[in-house]
């Protein structure tokens, strides 16, 4: 396999991403589906692609310093970003190899006339590597949005809320590769069975616990074969899920024999954990707007051995629905600002105006949940947002409109404190 293959895949994915509304993760998966490559090459292609997307603002700052006002065609700029990323963020590739292979890639893609410019920019930065590395560190202090490669408006609002030091910790967290966690499926296995099987399958892990997870439920995966190829995965012994997502189901506190509604259920991580908490007894209605996403819920339920879930497409907003449910979970669509580490290009997609639009949708979902909840029932509202407009402010506005509800508890998980994805959960109880 040519050493260029991972770079070719990265360039194709990044070129497609320039003109697509698809997420970079989905684009890269399509590229992997077109060609079979060794795991090590797949890992390098992913590292290069994700790294260039994450660090785009910082990479462009470096390019503009050398370009002296000249503009580049999109593909040439991608190649410059790719070469600079390898020089400053990827220690495992020697600098001379990064330059040579990036220049060869440019020639292969029809940029032979610009190969000299590309070579000069990259070699210039190799000569200035130490001072450039100091510049990059200084940028983190002087211009965090450039130093950590995030939108300036988002950095400013976070700094106004938490201060410079905590914001820097959050930005640094967002730039780390996301940790993969596995949640034990107690409907299929005890901890000892799963861990024994993992040892046989070559899975290395660390134990992980928080006050809302307890012991022997969540494990941080360190080294493993392709997860979907593992017998333990196929047998449904675990589900891949960040620990933050378990807080909402635990706060909902579902009981066996109850009727529970999960309003925004796909792909089914919280739904199947609720079923696990209920011992697979009672009944859970799992709704989602998109019919194709209901299939994901069914597939996950089947693999995990969950039999108490019924999938259902969400009714229209204006539907009059009876108050049947003991508990309702509203895991609302949101800006996802708490999972920027996990959603690689989200930082470049998020918009301030979108937060206000989503807030309206969140309140509509809560209104519908309130109408479907029995007197004395429990409603859990959750997001993976860090923004108060989508979290506490939504809860307070809901309570103003629904005086028959009381706030039982409210909690926010912050990556720079809790070391998990960001999340918000409010528990509201309807009066008898």
Foldseek 3Di string as FASTA:
>chain_A
DDPCVLVVLLLVLVVCVVPDPDFSVVSSVVSCVVDPDDPVSSVSSVCLNLQCLQQVLLLVVLVCVLVVPDDDDPSVSSLSSSLVCCVQPNPVDDNVRSLVSSLVVCVVVPNVVCSVVSSCSSVVCVVVVVVVVVVLVVCCVVPVCNSLVFDSVVLVVVCVVPNSPLSSLQSVLLSDADWKKKFFLVLQDALVVVVVLCVVQVWDWAWDDDPLQDGSGMITTDDGDDVVPRPCVQQQRIDTDFPVLSNLLSVLQDEAQFEEEEAAAPLNPSVSVNCSSHVLHHAYEYEHQDPVRLVNNVVNCVSNVRDRYDYDYDDDLPDQDAQRGQEYEDAFDALLQLCSSPRSNSSVVRDPVVRVVSLVVLLSVVVVNVRRHDAFHKYKYKYLDPDCSNAVVSVVVSCVVQVQKDWPDKDWDHCSPNVTGTMIMTMITGHD
